Amino acid sequence: MPYTTEDRGLVNNFAAEPKSYAAEPATGKQKTINMALTAAGVVLVVGLCAVAATLS
């Protein structure tokens, strides 16, 4: 387990911070997949609402 030591010699047990990186912009293929998943989600929610309204 990693420990950090302060200037005065005190030992602290902090969580290890992961390295950060800049996000890359989405490619055309990723944008197409995201749009398809969004459309499928909307169709699913609308369909479930229609079924619920029909059964109630």
C-alpha atoms as a PDB file:
ATOM      1  CA  MET A   1       0.000   0.000   0.000  1.00  0.00           C
ATOM      2  CA  PRO A   2       1.545   3.336  -1.002  1.00  0.00           C
ATOM      3  CA  TYR A   3       2.177   5.876   1.724  1.00  0.00           C
ATOM      4  CA  THR A   4       3.126   9.520   1.418  1.00  0.00           C
ATOM      5  CA  THR A   5       5.448  11.256   3.812  1.00  0.00           C
ATOM      6  CA  GLU A   6       5.084  14.946   4.640  1.00  0.00           C
ATOM      7  CA  ASP A   7       7.922  17.382   5.292  1.00  0.00           C
ATOM      8  CA  ARG A   8       7.662  16.798   9.052  1.00  0.00           C
ATOM      9  CA  GLY A   9       7.970  13.030   8.613  1.00  0.00           C
ATOM     10  CA  LEU A  10       4.261  12.268   9.139  1.00  0.00           C
ATOM     11  CA  VAL A  11       2.997   9.287   7.169  1.00  0.00           C
ATOM     12  CA  ASN A  12      -0.347   9.544   5.380  1.00  0.00           C
ATOM     13  CA  ASN A  13      -2.261   6.840   3.562  1.00  0.00           C
ATOM     14  CA  PHE A  14      -3.925   8.578   0.626  1.00  0.00           C
ATOM     15  CA  ALA A  15      -5.532   6.937  -2.358  1.00  0.00           C
ATOM     16  CA  ALA A  16      -3.288   6.682  -5.402  1.00  0.00           C
ATOM     17  CA  GLU A  17      -4.482   9.132  -8.031  1.00  0.00           C
ATOM     18  CA  PRO A  18      -4.715   7.737 -11.553  1.00  0.00           C
ATOM     19  CA  LYS A  19      -2.950   9.492 -14.395  1.00  0.00           C
ATOM     20  CA  SER A  20      -5.255  11.866 -16.241  1.00  0.00           C
ATOM     21  CA  TYR A  21      -5.464  12.271 -19.986  1.00  0.00           C
ATOM     22  CA  ALA A  22      -7.326  14.483 -22.406  1.00  0.00           C
ATOM     23  CA  ALA A  23     -10.338  12.953 -24.102  1.00  0.00           C
ATOM     24  CA  GLU A  24     -10.122  12.563 -27.842  1.00  0.00           C
ATOM     25  CA  PRO A  25     -13.004  13.740 -30.037  1.00  0.00           C
ATOM     26  CA  ALA A  26     -15.355  11.036 -31.272  1.00  0.00           C
ATOM     27  CA  THR A  27     -14.774   9.610 -34.726  1.00  0.00           C
ATOM     28  CA  GLY A  28     -17.488   9.345 -37.347  1.00  0.00           C
ATOM     29  CA  LYS A  29     -18.048   5.677 -36.552  1.00  0.00           C
ATOM     30  CA  GLN A  30     -18.393   6.383 -32.841  1.00  0.00           C
ATOM     31  CA  LYS A  31     -20.875   9.186 -33.534  1.00  0.00           C
ATOM     32  CA  THR A  32     -22.942   6.835 -35.704  1.00  0.00           C
ATOM     33  CA  ILE A  33     -22.964   4.157 -32.990  1.00  0.00           C
ATOM     34  CA  ASN A  34     -23.957   6.738 -30.352  1.00  0.00           C
ATOM     35  CA  MET A  35     -26.822   7.996 -32.514  1.00  0.00           C
ATOM     36  CA  ALA A  36     -28.054   4.427 -33.143  1.00  0.00           C
ATOM     37  CA  LEU A  37     -27.966   3.597 -29.419  1.00  0.00           C
ATOM     38  CA  THR A  38     -29.799   6.834 -28.603  1.00  0.00           C
ATOM     39  CA  ALA A  39     -32.485   6.093 -31.184  1.00  0.00           C
ATOM     40  CA  ALA A  40     -32.868   2.521 -29.910  1.00  0.00           C
ATOM     41  CA  GLY A  41     -33.223   3.815 -26.339  1.00  0.00           C
ATOM     42  CA  VAL A  42     -35.885   6.325 -27.351  1.00  0.00           C
ATOM     43  CA  VAL A  43     -37.826   3.653 -29.254  1.00  0.00           C
ATOM     44  CA  LEU A  44     -37.595   1.317 -26.250  1.00  0.00           C
ATOM     45  CA  VAL A  45     -38.872   3.933 -23.787  1.00  0.00           C
ATOM     46  CA  VAL A  46     -41.687   5.055 -26.066  1.00  0.00           C
ATOM     47  CA  GLY A  47     -42.648   1.433 -26.698  1.00  0.00           C
ATOM     48  CA  LEU A  48     -42.709   0.614 -22.982  1.00  0.00           C
ATOM     49  CA  CYS A  49     -44.827   3.699 -22.290  1.00  0.00           C
ATOM     50  CA  ALA A  50     -47.244   2.630 -25.049  1.00  0.00           C
ATOM     51  CA  VAL A  51     -47.514  -0.876 -23.590  1.00  0.00           C
ATOM     52  CA  ALA A  52     -48.081   0.530 -20.105  1.00  0.00           C
ATOM     53  CA  ALA A  53     -50.779   2.899 -21.382  1.00  0.00           C
ATOM     54  CA  THR A  54     -52.470   0.060 -23.279  1.00  0.00           C
ATOM     55  CA  LEU A  55     -52.502  -2.242 -20.251  1.00  0.00           C
ATOM     56  CA  SER A  56     -53.734   0.343 -17.783  1.00  0.00           C
END
